[in-house]
Amino acid sequence: MTSAGEKQHYALSLLKKLYDHIPESMRIGLLYNIGCQLDRSCRKFGFLGEFLDQIVFGISVFHAYGHQWPCQIIYHPRKCVGFGLTLLKP
């Protein structure tokens, strides 16, 4: 989590802070260029356990094509419930 490259702990801190200010029952749609890796880390290591089921992870449309095909199928915004036809250009 603190090695070179993407610093996932920043995203985790922001999500925890966000949930301090919104109702506990609210769902969050999170588009992040490494949303697939963040979701995997959270599930593997138990991060955000108290509200992980309320977060829908996705990756931006244009960034999705740089990922492997299983990642595109699972995390592409058009395949995630709640994002609709969102483009979210970088």
PDB file of N, CA and C in Angstrom:
ATOM      1  N   MET A   1       0.806  -1.200   0.000  1.00  0.00           N
ATOM      2  CA  MET A   1       0.000   0.000   0.000  1.00  0.00           C
ATOM      3  C   MET A   1       0.849   1.263   0.000  1.00  0.00           C
ATOM      4  N   THR A   2       2.073   1.193   0.465  1.00  0.00           N
ATOM      5  CA  THR A   2       2.892   2.402   0.521  1.00  0.00           C
ATOM      6  C   THR A   2       4.121   2.304  -0.364  1.00  0.00           C
ATOM      7  N   SER A   3       4.152   1.350  -1.281  1.00  0.00           N
ATOM      8  CA  SER A   3       5.308   1.206  -2.167  1.00  0.00           C
ATOM      9  C   SER A   3       5.200   2.180  -3.338  1.00  0.00           C
ATOM     10  N   ALA A   4       6.215   2.159  -4.201  1.00  0.00           N
ATOM     11  CA  ALA A   4       6.223   3.049  -5.359  1.00  0.00           C
ATOM     12  C   ALA A   4       5.036   2.749  -6.270  1.00  0.00           C
ATOM     13  N   GLY A   5       4.649   3.720  -7.055  1.00  0.00           N
ATOM     14  CA  GLY A   5       3.503   3.549  -7.946  1.00  0.00           C
ATOM     15  C   GLY A   5       2.271   4.223  -7.367  1.00  0.00           C
ATOM     16  N   GLU A   6       1.116   3.700  -7.696  1.00  0.00           N
ATOM     17  CA  GLU A   6      -0.137   4.276  -7.198  1.00  0.00           C
ATOM     18  C   GLU A   6      -0.225   4.100  -5.681  1.00  0.00           C
ATOM     19  N   LYS A   7      -0.549   5.154  -4.998  1.00  0.00           N
ATOM     20  CA  LYS A   7      -0.662   5.137  -3.539  1.00  0.00           C
ATOM     21  C   LYS A   7      -2.122   4.907  -3.148  1.00  0.00           C
ATOM     22  N   GLN A   8      -2.490   3.657  -2.993  1.00  0.00           N
ATOM     23  CA  GLN A   8      -3.879   3.314  -2.709  1.00  0.00           C
ATOM     24  C   GLN A   8      -4.341   3.838  -1.356  1.00  0.00           C
ATOM     25  N   HIS A   9      -3.421   4.070  -0.446  1.00  0.00           N
ATOM     26  CA  HIS A   9      -3.847   4.513   0.884  1.00  0.00           C
ATOM     27  C   HIS A   9      -4.492   5.898   0.842  1.00  0.00           C
ATOM     28  N   TYR A  10      -4.166   6.719  -0.164  1.00  0.00           N
ATOM     29  CA  TYR A  10      -4.824   8.017  -0.288  1.00  0.00           C
ATOM     30  C   TYR A  10      -6.311   7.832  -0.602  1.00  0.00           C
ATOM     31  N   ALA A  11      -6.615   6.937  -1.512  1.00  0.00           N
ATOM     32  CA  ALA A  11      -8.013   6.666  -1.858  1.00  0.00           C
ATOM     33  C   ALA A  11      -8.765   6.086  -0.664  1.00  0.00           C
ATOM     34  N   LEU A  12      -8.119   5.197   0.080  1.00  0.00           N
ATOM     35  CA  LEU A  12      -8.761   4.611   1.262  1.00  0.00           C
ATOM     36  C   LEU A  12      -9.064   5.685   2.302  1.00  0.00           C
ATOM     37  N   SER A  13      -8.129   6.587   2.525  1.00  0.00           N
ATOM     38  CA  SER A  13      -8.333   7.670   3.491  1.00  0.00           C
ATOM     39  C   SER A  13      -9.480   8.576   3.065  1.00  0.00           C
ATOM     40  N   LEU A  14      -9.529   8.905   1.776  1.00  0.00           N
ATOM     41  CA  LEU A  14     -10.610   9.755   1.279  1.00  0.00           C
ATOM     42  C   LEU A  14     -11.971   9.083   1.427  1.00  0.00           C
ATOM     43  N   LEU A  15     -12.036   7.792   1.151  1.00  0.00           N
ATOM     44  CA  LEU A  15     -13.307   7.079   1.288  1.00  0.00           C
ATOM     45  C   LEU A  15     -13.759   7.020   2.742  1.00  0.00           C
ATOM     46  N   LYS A  16     -12.832   6.760   3.649  1.00  0.00           N
ATOM     47  CA  LYS A  16     -13.199   6.734   5.073  1.00  0.00           C
ATOM     48  C   LYS A  16     -13.694   8.101   5.522  1.00  0.00           C
ATOM     49  N   LYS A  17     -13.038   9.161   5.078  1.00  0.00           N
ATOM     50  CA  LYS A  17     -13.442  10.521   5.440  1.00  0.00           C
ATOM     51  C   LYS A  17     -14.810  10.853   4.836  1.00  0.00           C
ATOM     52  N   LEU A  18     -15.039  10.416   3.603  1.00  0.00           N
ATOM     53  CA  LEU A  18     -16.327  10.645   2.956  1.00  0.00           C
ATOM     54  C   LEU A  18     -17.451   9.993   3.745  1.00  0.00           C
ATOM     55  N   TYR A  19     -17.247   8.763   4.196  1.00  0.00           N
ATOM     56  CA  TYR A  19     -18.287   8.063   4.947  1.00  0.00           C
ATOM     57  C   TYR A  19     -18.508   8.657   6.338  1.00  0.00           C
ATOM     58  N   ASP A  20     -17.618   9.515   6.795  1.00  0.00           N
ATOM     59  CA  ASP A  20     -17.856  10.245   8.046  1.00  0.00           C
ATOM     60  C   ASP A  20     -18.926  11.316   7.855  1.00  0.00           C
ATOM     61  N   HIS A  21     -19.152  11.739   6.610  1.00  0.00           N
ATOM     62  CA  HIS A  21     -20.020  12.884   6.338  1.00  0.00           C
ATOM     63  C   HIS A  21     -21.291  12.551   5.561  1.00  0.00           C
ATOM     64  N   ILE A  22     -21.512  11.301   5.226  1.00  0.00           N
ATOM     65  CA  ILE A  22     -22.729  10.931   4.498  1.00  0.00           C
ATOM     66  C   ILE A  22     -23.470   9.849   5.283  1.00  0.00           C
ATOM     67  N   PRO A  23     -24.753   9.644   4.991  1.00  0.00           N
ATOM     68  CA  PRO A  23     -25.503   8.588   5.686  1.00  0.00           C
ATOM     69  C   PRO A  23     -24.878   7.212   5.447  1.00  0.00           C
ATOM     70  N   GLU A  24     -24.931   6.371   6.455  1.00  0.00           N
ATOM     71  CA  GLU A  24     -24.310   5.045   6.377  1.00  0.00           C
ATOM     72  C   GLU A  24     -24.926   4.167   5.295  1.00  0.00           C
ATOM     73  N   SER A  25     -26.178   4.407   4.968  1.00  0.00           N
ATOM     74  CA  SER A  25     -26.860   3.564   3.986  1.00  0.00           C
ATOM     75  C   SER A  25     -26.604   3.991   2.539  1.00  0.00           C
ATOM     76  N   MET A  26     -25.936   5.105   2.328  1.00  0.00           N
ATOM     77  CA  MET A  26     -25.720   5.622   0.975  1.00  0.00           C
ATOM     78  C   MET A  26     -24.694   4.790   0.212  1.00  0.00           C
ATOM     79  N   ARG A  27     -24.997   4.532  -1.065  1.00  0.00           N
ATOM     80  CA  ARG A  27     -24.060   3.809  -1.940  1.00  0.00           C
ATOM     81  C   ARG A  27     -23.184   4.819  -2.680  1.00  0.00           C
ATOM     82  N   ILE A  28     -21.948   4.429  -2.926  1.00  0.00           N
ATOM     83  CA  ILE A  28     -20.983   5.280  -3.621  1.00  0.00           C
ATOM     84  C   ILE A  28     -20.554   4.592  -4.908  1.00  0.00           C
ATOM     85  N   GLY A  29     -20.530   5.339  -5.998  1.00  0.00           N
ATOM     86  CA  GLY A  29     -19.958   4.856  -7.251  1.00  0.00           C
ATOM     87  C   GLY A  29     -18.595   5.500  -7.406  1.00  0.00           C
ATOM     88  N   LEU A  30     -17.551   4.714  -7.387  1.00  0.00           N
ATOM     89  CA  LEU A  30     -16.182   5.236  -7.417  1.00  0.00           C
ATOM     90  C   LEU A  30     -15.503   4.862  -8.726  1.00  0.00           C
ATOM     91  N   LEU A  31     -15.203   5.863  -9.540  1.00  0.00           N
ATOM     92  CA  LEU A  31     -14.431   5.642 -10.759  1.00  0.00           C
ATOM     93  C   LEU A  31     -13.007   6.114 -10.494  1.00  0.00           C
ATOM     94  N   TYR A  32     -12.073   5.202 -10.649  1.00  0.00           N
ATOM     95  CA  TYR A  32     -10.675   5.462 -10.324  1.00  0.00           C
ATOM     96  C   TYR A  32      -9.848   4.698 -11.348  1.00  0.00           C
ATOM     97  N   ASN A  33      -8.748   5.279 -11.825  1.00  0.00           N
ATOM     98  CA  ASN A  33      -7.993   4.624 -12.897  1.00  0.00           C
ATOM     99  C   ASN A  33      -7.456   3.252 -12.505  1.00  0.00           C
ATOM    100  N   ILE A  34      -7.328   2.979 -11.225  1.00  0.00           N
ATOM    101  CA  ILE A  34      -6.952   1.636 -10.772  1.00  0.00           C
ATOM    102  C   ILE A  34      -8.011   1.101  -9.805  1.00  0.00           C
ATOM    103  N   GLY A  35      -9.268   1.397 -10.110  1.00  0.00           N
ATOM    104  CA  GLY A  35     -10.370   0.928  -9.273  1.00  0.00           C
ATOM    105  C   GLY A  35     -10.392  -0.582  -9.124  1.00  0.00           C
ATOM    106  N   CYS A  36      -9.968  -1.275 -10.171  1.00  0.00           N
ATOM    107  CA  CYS A  36      -9.922  -2.740 -10.118  1.00  0.00           C
ATOM    108  C   CYS A  36      -8.911  -3.212  -9.073  1.00  0.00           C
ATOM    109  N   GLN A  37      -7.760  -2.567  -9.021  1.00  0.00           N
ATOM    110  CA  GLN A  37      -6.738  -2.950  -8.046  1.00  0.00           C
ATOM    111  C   GLN A  37      -7.148  -2.555  -6.635  1.00  0.00           C
ATOM    112  N   LEU A  38      -7.786  -1.396  -6.501  1.00  0.00           N
ATOM    113  CA  LEU A  38      -8.239  -0.953  -5.183  1.00  0.00           C
ATOM    114  C   LEU A  38      -9.312  -1.894  -4.639  1.00  0.00           C
ATOM    115  N   ASP A  39     -10.243  -2.302  -5.479  1.00  0.00           N
ATOM    116  CA  ASP A  39     -11.285  -3.252  -5.065  1.00  0.00           C
ATOM    117  C   ASP A  39     -10.654  -4.570  -4.622  1.00  0.00           C
ATOM    118  N   ARG A  40      -9.714  -5.069  -5.393  1.00  0.00           N
ATOM    119  CA  ARG A  40      -9.042  -6.329  -5.054  1.00  0.00           C
ATOM    120  C   ARG A  40      -8.301  -6.211  -3.720  1.00  0.00           C
ATOM    121  N   SER A  41      -7.586  -5.116  -3.516  1.00  0.00           N
ATOM    122  CA  SER A  41      -6.855  -4.917  -2.262  1.00  0.00           C
ATOM    123  C   SER A  41      -7.804  -4.853  -1.074  1.00  0.00           C
ATOM    124  N   CYS A  42      -8.916  -4.135  -1.236  1.00  0.00           N
ATOM    125  CA  CYS A  42      -9.884  -4.005  -0.143  1.00  0.00           C
ATOM    126  C   CYS A  42     -10.467  -5.360   0.244  1.00  0.00           C
ATOM    127  N   ARG A  43     -10.786  -6.160  -0.745  1.00  0.00           N
ATOM    128  CA  ARG A  43     -11.367  -7.478  -0.461  1.00  0.00           C
ATOM    129  C   ARG A  43     -10.321  -8.452   0.078  1.00  0.00           C
ATOM    130  N   LYS A  44      -9.110  -8.379  -0.432  1.00  0.00           N
ATOM    131  CA  LYS A  44      -8.055  -9.297  -0.003  1.00  0.00           C
ATOM    132  C   LYS A  44      -7.588  -9.015   1.422  1.00  0.00           C
ATOM    133  N   PHE A  45      -7.424  -7.732   1.761  1.00  0.00           N
ATOM    134  CA  PHE A  45      -6.860  -7.367   3.057  1.00  0.00           C
ATOM    135  C   PHE A  45      -7.893  -6.841   4.053  1.00  0.00           C
ATOM    136  N   GLY A  46      -9.168  -6.788   3.661  1.00  0.00           N
ATOM    137  CA  GLY A  46     -10.220  -6.372   4.586  1.00  0.00           C
ATOM    138  C   GLY A  46     -10.316  -4.874   4.810  1.00  0.00           C
ATOM    139  N   PHE A  47      -9.788  -4.073   3.885  1.00  0.00           N
ATOM    140  CA  PHE A  47      -9.904  -2.617   4.021  1.00  0.00           C
ATOM    141  C   PHE A  47     -11.343  -2.199   3.762  1.00  0.00           C
ATOM    142  N   LEU A  48     -11.772  -1.156   4.423  1.00  0.00           N
ATOM    143  CA  LEU A  48     -13.116  -0.594   4.259  1.00  0.00           C
ATOM    144  C   LEU A  48     -14.209  -1.620   4.517  1.00  0.00           C
ATOM    145  N   GLY A  49     -13.920  -2.588   5.349  1.00  0.00           N
ATOM    146  CA  GLY A  49     -14.853  -3.680   5.600  1.00  0.00           C
ATOM    147  C   GLY A  49     -16.224  -3.245   6.050  1.00  0.00           C
ATOM    148  N   GLU A  50     -16.300  -2.163   6.822  1.00  0.00           N
ATOM    149  CA  GLU A  50     -17.584  -1.739   7.365  1.00  0.00           C
ATOM    150  C   GLU A  50     -18.524  -1.182   6.298  1.00  0.00           C
ATOM    151  N   PHE A  51     -17.997  -0.717   5.177  1.00  0.00           N
ATOM    152  CA  PHE A  51     -18.876  -0.212   4.120  1.00  0.00           C
ATOM    153  C   PHE A  51     -18.430  -0.592   2.709  1.00  0.00           C
ATOM    154  N   LEU A  52     -17.629  -1.623   2.591  1.00  0.00           N
ATOM    155  CA  LEU A  52     -17.155  -2.057   1.274  1.00  0.00           C
ATOM    156  C   LEU A  52     -18.298  -2.496   0.358  1.00  0.00           C
ATOM    157  N   ASP A  53     -19.339  -3.106   0.925  1.00  0.00           N
ATOM    158  CA  ASP A  53     -20.467  -3.563   0.111  1.00  0.00           C
ATOM    159  C   ASP A  53     -21.305  -2.410  -0.436  1.00  0.00           C
ATOM    160  N   GLN A  54     -21.090  -1.200   0.064  1.00  0.00           N
ATOM    161  CA  GLN A  54     -21.834  -0.038  -0.403  1.00  0.00           C
ATOM    162  C   GLN A  54     -21.074   0.746  -1.469  1.00  0.00           C
ATOM    163  N   ILE A  55     -19.923   0.253  -1.897  1.00  0.00           N
ATOM    164  CA  ILE A  55     -19.108   0.936  -2.901  1.00  0.00           C
ATOM    165  C   ILE A  55     -19.108   0.122  -4.190  1.00  0.00           C
ATOM    166  N   VAL A  56     -19.393   0.789  -5.293  1.00  0.00           N
ATOM    167  CA  VAL A  56     -19.302   0.168  -6.615  1.00  0.00           C
ATOM    168  C   VAL A  56     -18.046   0.731  -7.272  1.00  0.00           C
ATOM    169  N   PHE A  57     -17.065  -0.127  -7.517  1.00  0.00           N
ATOM    170  CA  PHE A  57     -15.811   0.302  -8.129  1.00  0.00           C
ATOM    171  C   PHE A  57     -15.915   0.229  -9.644  1.00  0.00           C
ATOM    172  N   GLY A  58     -15.302   1.185 -10.308  1.00  0.00           N
ATOM    173  CA  GLY A  58     -15.244   1.185 -11.762  1.00  0.00           C
ATOM    174  C   GLY A  58     -13.989   1.906 -12.218  1.00  0.00           C
ATOM    175  N   ILE A  59     -13.731   1.823 -13.513  1.00  0.00           N
ATOM    176  CA  ILE A  59     -12.608   2.557 -14.099  1.00  0.00           C
ATOM    177  C   ILE A  59     -13.153   3.399 -15.240  1.00  0.00           C
ATOM    178  N   SER A  60     -12.531   4.540 -15.506  1.00  0.00           N
ATOM    179  CA  SER A  60     -13.044   5.432 -16.543  1.00  0.00           C
ATOM    180  C   SER A  60     -13.018   4.740 -17.901  1.00  0.00           C
ATOM    181  N   VAL A  61     -13.917   5.146 -18.768  1.00  0.00           N
ATOM    182  CA  VAL A  61     -14.102   4.483 -20.055  1.00  0.00           C
ATOM    183  C   VAL A  61     -12.806   4.420 -20.845  1.00  0.00           C
ATOM    184  N   PHE A  62     -12.113   5.522 -20.980  1.00  0.00           N
ATOM    185  CA  PHE A  62     -10.913   5.547 -21.804  1.00  0.00           C
ATOM    186  C   PHE A  62      -9.759   4.799 -21.154  1.00  0.00           C
ATOM    187  N   HIS A  63      -9.729   4.774 -19.836  1.00  0.00           N
ATOM    188  CA  HIS A  63      -8.672   4.039 -19.145  1.00  0.00           C
ATOM    189  C   HIS A  63      -8.937   2.537 -19.186  1.00  0.00           C
ATOM    190  N   ALA A  64     -10.190   2.163 -19.299  1.00  0.00           N
ATOM    191  CA  ALA A  64     -10.562   0.738 -19.265  1.00  0.00           C
ATOM    192  C   ALA A  64      -9.881  -0.064 -20.359  1.00  0.00           C
ATOM    193  N   TYR A  65      -9.662   0.534 -21.504  1.00  0.00           N
ATOM    194  CA  TYR A  65      -9.097  -0.213 -22.624  1.00  0.00           C
ATOM    195  C   TYR A  65      -7.619  -0.515 -22.445  1.00  0.00           C
ATOM    196  N   GLY A  66      -6.977   0.060 -21.462  1.00  0.00           N
ATOM    197  CA  GLY A  66      -5.594  -0.266 -21.153  1.00  0.00           C
ATOM    198  C   GLY A  66      -5.474  -1.440 -20.198  1.00  0.00           C
ATOM    199  N   HIS A  67      -6.589  -1.931 -19.700  1.00  0.00           N
ATOM    200  CA  HIS A  67      -6.595  -3.033 -18.745  1.00  0.00           C
ATOM    201  C   HIS A  67      -6.848  -4.353 -19.463  1.00  0.00           C
ATOM    202  N   GLN A  68      -6.594  -5.439 -18.768  1.00  0.00           N
ATOM    203  CA  GLN A  68      -6.863  -6.761 -19.332  1.00  0.00           C
ATOM    204  C   GLN A  68      -8.370  -6.939 -19.507  1.00  0.00           C
ATOM    205  N   TRP A  69      -8.778  -7.835 -20.402  1.00  0.00           N
ATOM    206  CA  TRP A  69     -10.197  -7.968 -20.721  1.00  0.00           C
ATOM    207  C   TRP A  69     -11.076  -8.341 -19.531  1.00  0.00           C
ATOM    208  N   PRO A  70     -10.631  -9.193 -18.568  1.00  0.00           N
ATOM    209  CA  PRO A  70     -11.530  -9.452 -17.426  1.00  0.00           C
ATOM    210  C   PRO A  70     -11.810  -8.180 -16.621  1.00  0.00           C
ATOM    211  N   CYS A  71     -10.808  -7.331 -16.511  1.00  0.00           N
ATOM    212  CA  CYS A  71     -10.975  -6.067 -15.795  1.00  0.00           C
ATOM    213  C   CYS A  71     -11.970  -5.171 -16.537  1.00  0.00           C
ATOM    214  N   GLN A  72     -11.874  -5.144 -17.858  1.00  0.00           N
ATOM    215  CA  GLN A  72     -12.802  -4.336 -18.653  1.00  0.00           C
ATOM    216  C   GLN A  72     -14.241  -4.811 -18.476  1.00  0.00           C
ATOM    217  N   ILE A  73     -14.429  -6.109 -18.413  1.00  0.00           N
ATOM    218  CA  ILE A  73     -15.779  -6.666 -18.293  1.00  0.00           C
ATOM    219  C   ILE A  73     -16.390  -6.347 -16.931  1.00  0.00           C
ATOM    220  N   ILE A  74     -15.600  -6.438 -15.891  1.00  0.00           N
ATOM    221  CA  ILE A  74     -16.119  -6.252 -14.531  1.00  0.00           C
ATOM    222  C   ILE A  74     -16.228  -4.780 -14.147  1.00  0.00           C
ATOM    223  N   TYR A  75     -15.236  -3.960 -14.501  1.00  0.00           N
ATOM    224  CA  TYR A  75     -15.149  -2.598 -13.972  1.00  0.00           C
ATOM    225  C   TYR A  75     -15.478  -1.492 -14.971  1.00  0.00           C
ATOM    226  N   HIS A  76     -15.809  -1.825 -16.207  1.00  0.00           N
ATOM    227  CA  HIS A  76     -16.193  -0.808 -17.184  1.00  0.00           C
ATOM    228  C   HIS A  76     -17.496  -0.165 -16.705  1.00  0.00           C
ATOM    229  N   PRO A  77     -17.600   1.170 -16.708  1.00  0.00           N
ATOM    230  CA  PRO A  77     -18.801   1.834 -16.176  1.00  0.00           C
ATOM    231  C   PRO A  77     -20.109   1.388 -16.827  1.00  0.00           C
ATOM    232  N   ARG A  78     -20.068   1.008 -18.076  1.00  0.00           N
ATOM    233  CA  ARG A  78     -21.294   0.564 -18.748  1.00  0.00           C
ATOM    234  C   ARG A  78     -21.744  -0.794 -18.236  1.00  0.00           C
ATOM    235  N   LYS A  79     -20.852  -1.520 -17.582  1.00  0.00           N
ATOM    236  CA  LYS A  79     -21.180  -2.840 -17.036  1.00  0.00           C
ATOM    237  C   LYS A  79     -21.500  -2.784 -15.545  1.00  0.00           C
ATOM    238  N   CYS A  80     -21.217  -1.659 -14.902  1.00  0.00           N
ATOM    239  CA  CYS A  80     -21.457  -1.502 -13.462  1.00  0.00           C
ATOM    240  C   CYS A  80     -22.833  -0.877 -13.230  1.00  0.00           C
ATOM    241  N   VAL A  81     -23.570  -1.416 -12.303  1.00  0.00           N
ATOM    242  CA  VAL A  81     -24.894  -0.891 -11.970  1.00  0.00           C
ATOM    243  C   VAL A  81     -24.756   0.503 -11.370  1.00  0.00           C
ATOM    244  N   GLY A  82     -25.524   1.450 -11.909  1.00  0.00           N
ATOM    245  CA  GLY A  82     -25.567   2.785 -11.344  1.00  0.00           C
ATOM    246  C   GLY A  82     -24.816   3.850 -12.119  1.00  0.00           C
ATOM    247  N   PHE A  83     -23.940   3.468 -13.040  1.00  0.00           N
ATOM    248  CA  PHE A  83     -23.175   4.469 -13.783  1.00  0.00           C
ATOM    249  C   PHE A  83     -23.857   4.888 -15.082  1.00  0.00           C
ATOM    250  N   GLY A  84     -24.690   4.067 -15.639  1.00  0.00           N
ATOM    251  CA  GLY A  84     -25.387   4.406 -16.871  1.00  0.00           C
ATOM    252  C   GLY A  84     -24.437   4.607 -18.033  1.00  0.00           C
ATOM    253  N   LEU A  85     -24.648   5.674 -18.794  1.00  0.00           N
ATOM    254  CA  LEU A  85     -23.828   5.950 -19.973  1.00  0.00           C
ATOM    255  C   LEU A  85     -22.731   6.965 -19.678  1.00  0.00           C
ATOM    256  N   THR A  86     -22.181   6.927 -18.497  1.00  0.00           N
ATOM    257  CA  THR A  86     -21.142   7.852 -18.076  1.00  0.00           C
ATOM    258  C   THR A  86     -19.869   7.644 -18.881  1.00  0.00           C
ATOM    259  N   LEU A  87     -19.281   8.726 -19.381  1.00  0.00           N
ATOM    260  CA  LEU A  87     -18.007   8.642 -20.095  1.00  0.00           C
ATOM    261  C   LEU A  87     -16.830   8.917 -19.175  1.00  0.00           C
ATOM    262  N   LEU A  88     -16.932   9.962 -18.388  1.00  0.00           N
ATOM    263  CA  LEU A  88     -15.877  10.367 -17.457  1.00  0.00           C
ATOM    264  C   LEU A  88     -14.516  10.419 -18.128  1.00  0.00           C
ATOM    265  N   LYS A  89     -14.342  11.411 -18.926  1.00  0.00           N
ATOM    266  CA  LYS A  89     -13.064  11.607 -19.604  1.00  0.00           C
ATOM    267  C   LYS A  89     -12.006  11.980 -18.580  1.00  0.00           C
ATOM    268  N   PRO A  90     -10.748  11.534 -18.805  1.00  0.00           N
ATOM    269  CA  PRO A  90      -9.679  11.855 -17.844  1.00  0.00           C
ATOM    270  C   PRO A  90      -9.352  13.320 -17.818  1.00  0.00           C
TER     271      PRO A  90
END
